[in-house]
Amino acid sequence: MLATVQIVSCAEIFIDGQTVSTIGSGCLAFVCIEENDSSKQVKEMAEKIINFRMFDGPKGITSSSLKESDKEILIVSQFTLAAVTNKGTKPSFHKAAKPDNAKLLYDKFVTEFRSSFHRVKEGKFGALMEIELVNKGPVTFNFKT
């Protein structure tokens, strides 16, 4: 499982010109289910992101985790994180999970996340989304389980 997490001042998702999700201060997490992922990777990724010290806190830069904060998270499924780009001029997505399995594990990820952190919003799996965000810092972290 892969994730790219960006610290944001705000983020909003639109589908067909309509707002479907919006957050204020927090993070935007793009997550990708890979072909061999299981519930184990889903649980590990949720725990990693919730507990990772990525926010400024009372002890300085990157001293506070999402779990310890009053921030929000916006979770978006993004299979293109699994793209293989080191050969040729066209990406290969063979490492990404097939849509049916990816949807099941993505839903488990969101459920797992919500069991430990309640300020969760999400995009729509498989939809063509437009995402507006204000990246803060900029601060971006990549995760793999």
C-alpha atoms as a PDB file:
ATOM      1  CA  MET A   1       0.000   0.000   0.000  1.00  0.00           C
ATOM      2  CA  LEU A   2       1.201   3.467  -0.866  1.00  0.00           C
ATOM      3  CA  ALA A   3       0.198   6.892   0.413  1.00  0.00           C
ATOM      4  CA  THR A   4       1.213  10.457  -0.296  1.00  0.00           C
ATOM      5  CA  VAL A   5       0.135  12.833   2.453  1.00  0.00           C
ATOM      6  CA  GLN A   6       0.206  16.601   2.064  1.00  0.00           C
ATOM      7  CA  ILE A   7      -0.278  19.075   4.887  1.00  0.00           C
ATOM      8  CA  VAL A   8      -2.979  21.523   3.799  1.00  0.00           C
ATOM      9  CA  SER A   9      -4.615  24.724   4.989  1.00  0.00           C
ATOM     10  CA  CYS A  10      -7.747  23.532   3.188  1.00  0.00           C
ATOM     11  CA  ALA A  11      -8.831  21.050   0.510  1.00  0.00           C
ATOM     12  CA  GLU A  12     -12.003  20.455  -1.478  1.00  0.00           C
ATOM     13  CA  ILE A  13     -13.188  17.742  -3.859  1.00  0.00           C
ATOM     14  CA  PHE A  14     -15.545  18.377  -6.746  1.00  0.00           C
ATOM     15  CA  ILE A  15     -17.339  15.811  -8.905  1.00  0.00           C
ATOM     16  CA  ASP A  16     -19.251  17.138 -11.914  1.00  0.00           C
ATOM     17  CA  GLY A  17     -18.857  20.666 -10.559  1.00  0.00           C
ATOM     18  CA  GLN A  18     -20.431  19.799  -7.185  1.00  0.00           C
ATOM     19  CA  THR A  19     -18.562  19.880  -3.877  1.00  0.00           C
ATOM     20  CA  VAL A  20     -18.521  16.398  -2.322  1.00  0.00           C
ATOM     21  CA  SER A  21     -15.975  16.884   0.473  1.00  0.00           C
ATOM     22  CA  THR A  22     -14.119  19.739   2.090  1.00  0.00           C
ATOM     23  CA  ILE A  23     -11.729  20.153   5.010  1.00  0.00           C
ATOM     24  CA  GLY A  24      -9.980  22.991   6.735  1.00  0.00           C
ATOM     25  CA  SER A  25      -6.550  22.642   8.313  1.00  0.00           C
ATOM     26  CA  GLY A  26      -5.174  19.117   8.206  1.00  0.00           C
ATOM     27  CA  CYS A  27      -3.942  16.724   5.571  1.00  0.00           C
ATOM     28  CA  LEU A  28      -4.898  15.315   2.213  1.00  0.00           C
ATOM     29  CA  ALA A  29      -3.996  11.634   1.855  1.00  0.00           C
ATOM     30  CA  PHE A  30      -3.792  10.029  -1.567  1.00  0.00           C
ATOM     31  CA  VAL A  31      -3.849   6.249  -1.048  1.00  0.00           C
ATOM     32  CA  CYS A  32      -3.120   3.405  -3.436  1.00  0.00           C
ATOM     33  CA  ILE A  33      -3.898  -0.264  -2.945  1.00  0.00           C
ATOM     34  CA  GLU A  34      -1.315  -2.485  -4.639  1.00  0.00           C
ATOM     35  CA  GLU A  35      -1.927  -5.937  -6.088  1.00  0.00           C
ATOM     36  CA  ASN A  36      -0.597  -7.961  -3.118  1.00  0.00           C
ATOM     37  CA  ASP A  37      -1.994  -5.806  -0.319  1.00  0.00           C
ATOM     38  CA  SER A  38      -4.153  -7.268   2.428  1.00  0.00           C
ATOM     39  CA  SER A  39      -5.941  -6.098   5.561  1.00  0.00           C
ATOM     40  CA  LYS A  40      -2.554  -6.171   7.304  1.00  0.00           C
ATOM     41  CA  GLN A  41      -1.130  -3.388   5.106  1.00  0.00           C
ATOM     42  CA  VAL A  42      -4.370  -1.408   5.447  1.00  0.00           C
ATOM     43  CA  LYS A  43      -4.186  -1.485   9.259  1.00  0.00           C
ATOM     44  CA  GLU A  44      -0.462  -0.633   9.279  1.00  0.00           C
ATOM     45  CA  MET A  45      -0.961   2.319   6.922  1.00  0.00           C
ATOM     46  CA  ALA A  46      -3.856   3.758   8.926  1.00  0.00           C
ATOM     47  CA  GLU A  47      -1.863   3.488  12.165  1.00  0.00           C
ATOM     48  CA  LYS A  48       1.239   4.980  10.538  1.00  0.00           C
ATOM     49  CA  ILE A  49      -0.545   8.052   9.187  1.00  0.00           C
ATOM     50  CA  ILE A  50      -2.582   8.646  12.360  1.00  0.00           C
ATOM     51  CA  ASN A  51       0.501   8.465  14.608  1.00  0.00           C
ATOM     52  CA  PHE A  52       3.153  10.035  12.339  1.00  0.00           C
ATOM     53  CA  ARG A  53       4.444  13.330  13.751  1.00  0.00           C
ATOM     54  CA  MET A  54       3.915  15.587  10.735  1.00  0.00           C
ATOM     55  CA  PHE A  55       2.378  18.713  12.283  1.00  0.00           C
ATOM     56  CA  ASP A  56       4.033  21.499  14.190  1.00  0.00           C
ATOM     57  CA  GLY A  57       3.201  21.279  17.860  1.00  0.00           C
ATOM     58  CA  PRO A  58       4.145  22.664  21.240  1.00  0.00           C
ATOM     59  CA  LYS A  59       7.532  20.937  21.010  1.00  0.00           C
ATOM     60  CA  GLY A  60       8.393  22.454  17.621  1.00  0.00           C
ATOM     61  CA  ILE A  61       8.427  21.358  14.007  1.00  0.00           C
ATOM     62  CA  THR A  62       6.949  17.901  13.315  1.00  0.00           C
ATOM     63  CA  SER A  63       6.242  17.229  16.966  1.00  0.00           C
ATOM     64  CA  SER A  64       2.521  16.487  16.751  1.00  0.00           C
ATOM     65  CA  SER A  65       0.580  13.661  15.107  1.00  0.00           C
ATOM     66  CA  LEU A  66      -2.852  13.732  13.514  1.00  0.00           C
ATOM     67  CA  LYS A  67      -4.191  11.758  16.501  1.00  0.00           C
ATOM     68  CA  GLU A  68      -2.917  14.435  18.901  1.00  0.00           C
ATOM     69  CA  SER A  69      -4.293  17.324  16.855  1.00  0.00           C
ATOM     70  CA  ASP A  70      -7.567  19.051  16.088  1.00  0.00           C
ATOM     71  CA  LYS A  71      -6.862  18.676  12.342  1.00  0.00           C
ATOM     72  CA  GLU A  72      -8.930  16.917   9.676  1.00  0.00           C
ATOM     73  CA  ILE A  73      -7.988  14.412   6.986  1.00  0.00           C
ATOM     74  CA  LEU A  74      -9.345  14.036   3.473  1.00  0.00           C
ATOM     75  CA  ILE A  75      -8.704  10.551   2.033  1.00  0.00           C
ATOM     76  CA  VAL A  76      -8.640  10.026  -1.737  1.00  0.00           C
ATOM     77  CA  SER A  77      -8.063   6.785  -3.629  1.00  0.00           C
ATOM     78  CA  GLN A  78      -5.376   7.250  -6.296  1.00  0.00           C
ATOM     79  CA  PHE A  79      -4.220   4.141  -8.191  1.00  0.00           C
ATOM     80  CA  THR A  80      -1.714   6.182 -10.217  1.00  0.00           C
ATOM     81  CA  LEU A  81       0.647   6.193  -7.201  1.00  0.00           C
ATOM     82  CA  ALA A  82       1.526   2.625  -8.257  1.00  0.00           C
ATOM     83  CA  ALA A  83       2.580   3.740 -11.740  1.00  0.00           C
ATOM     84  CA  VAL A  84       5.839   2.307 -13.041  1.00  0.00           C
ATOM     85  CA  THR A  85       7.532   5.200 -14.817  1.00  0.00           C
ATOM     86  CA  ASN A  86      11.145   4.133 -15.223  1.00  0.00           C
ATOM     87  CA  LYS A  87      10.748   2.475 -18.642  1.00  0.00           C
ATOM     88  CA  GLY A  88       9.561   4.089 -21.843  1.00  0.00           C
ATOM     89  CA  THR A  89       7.256   7.068 -22.151  1.00  0.00           C
ATOM     90  CA  LYS A  90       3.980   5.597 -20.898  1.00  0.00           C
ATOM     91  CA  PRO A  91       3.167   4.574 -17.307  1.00  0.00           C
ATOM     92  CA  SER A  92       2.332   0.995 -16.430  1.00  0.00           C
ATOM     93  CA  PHE A  93      -0.225   0.368 -13.703  1.00  0.00           C
ATOM     94  CA  HIS A  94       0.278  -3.385 -13.340  1.00  0.00           C
ATOM     95  CA  LYS A  95       1.296  -3.012  -9.673  1.00  0.00           C
ATOM     96  CA  ALA A  96      -2.040  -1.447  -8.709  1.00  0.00           C
ATOM     97  CA  ALA A  97      -4.762  -3.747  -7.359  1.00  0.00           C
ATOM     98  CA  LYS A  98      -7.691  -4.585  -9.604  1.00  0.00           C
ATOM     99  CA  PRO A  99     -10.641  -2.220  -8.980  1.00  0.00           C
ATOM    100  CA  ASP A 100     -12.904  -4.674  -7.100  1.00  0.00           C
ATOM    101  CA  ASN A 101     -10.196  -5.705  -4.624  1.00  0.00           C
ATOM    102  CA  ALA A 102      -8.891  -2.137  -4.361  1.00  0.00           C
ATOM    103  CA  LYS A 103     -12.375  -0.867  -3.460  1.00  0.00           C
ATOM    104  CA  LEU A 104     -12.765  -3.452  -0.692  1.00  0.00           C
ATOM    105  CA  LEU A 105      -9.383  -2.607   0.838  1.00  0.00           C
ATOM    106  CA  TYR A 106      -9.869   1.146   0.377  1.00  0.00           C
ATOM    107  CA  ASP A 107     -13.180   0.911   2.275  1.00  0.00           C
ATOM    108  CA  LYS A 108     -11.420  -1.112   5.011  1.00  0.00           C
ATOM    109  CA  PHE A 109      -8.732   1.572   5.193  1.00  0.00           C
ATOM    110  CA  VAL A 110     -11.296   4.344   5.688  1.00  0.00           C
ATOM    111  CA  THR A 111     -13.147   2.245   8.297  1.00  0.00           C
ATOM    112  CA  GLU A 112      -9.890   1.444  10.103  1.00  0.00           C
ATOM    113  CA  PHE A 113      -8.912   5.103  10.046  1.00  0.00           C
ATOM    114  CA  ARG A 114     -12.279   6.205  11.428  1.00  0.00           C
ATOM    115  CA  SER A 115     -12.024   3.700  14.281  1.00  0.00           C
ATOM    116  CA  SER A 116      -9.073   5.672  15.687  1.00  0.00           C
ATOM    117  CA  PHE A 117      -9.646   9.179  14.314  1.00  0.00           C
ATOM    118  CA  HIS A 118     -13.052  10.765  13.741  1.00  0.00           C
ATOM    119  CA  ARG A 119     -12.399  13.876  11.652  1.00  0.00           C
ATOM    120  CA  VAL A 120     -12.263  11.917   8.359  1.00  0.00           C
ATOM    121  CA  LYS A 121     -13.712  12.924   5.004  1.00  0.00           C
ATOM    122  CA  GLU A 122     -13.166  11.195   1.692  1.00  0.00           C
ATOM    123  CA  GLY A 123     -13.480  11.376  -2.047  1.00  0.00           C
ATOM    124  CA  LYS A 124     -15.454   8.919  -4.143  1.00  0.00           C
ATOM    125  CA  PHE A 125     -13.651   5.742  -5.168  1.00  0.00           C
ATOM    126  CA  GLY A 126     -13.254   5.445  -8.934  1.00  0.00           C
ATOM    127  CA  ALA A 127     -14.743   8.868  -9.703  1.00  0.00           C
ATOM    128  CA  LEU A 128     -13.153  11.552 -11.829  1.00  0.00           C
ATOM    129  CA  MET A 129     -12.504  14.204  -9.202  1.00  0.00           C
ATOM    130  CA  GLU A 130     -11.167  17.722  -9.237  1.00  0.00           C
ATOM    131  CA  ILE A 131      -9.246  18.541  -6.084  1.00  0.00           C
ATOM    132  CA  GLU A 132      -8.367  22.012  -4.912  1.00  0.00           C
ATOM    133  CA  LEU A 133      -5.890  22.343  -2.087  1.00  0.00           C
ATOM    134  CA  VAL A 134      -3.638  24.823  -0.410  1.00  0.00           C
ATOM    135  CA  ASN A 135      -0.441  22.966   0.431  1.00  0.00           C
ATOM    136  CA  LYS A 136       1.053  24.260   3.670  1.00  0.00           C
ATOM    137  CA  GLY A 137       4.821  24.436   3.904  1.00  0.00           C
ATOM    138  CA  PRO A 138       4.906  22.749   1.426  1.00  0.00           C
ATOM    139  CA  VAL A 139       5.041  19.569   3.479  1.00  0.00           C
ATOM    140  CA  THR A 140       4.543  16.200   1.779  1.00  0.00           C
ATOM    141  CA  PHE A 141       5.301  12.668   3.030  1.00  0.00           C
ATOM    142  CA  ASN A 142       5.321   9.369   1.129  1.00  0.00           C
ATOM    143  CA  PHE A 143       4.478   6.109   2.910  1.00  0.00           C
ATOM    144  CA  LYS A 144       4.711   2.445   1.932  1.00  0.00           C
ATOM    145  CA  THR A 145       3.637  -0.641   3.871  1.00  0.00           C
END
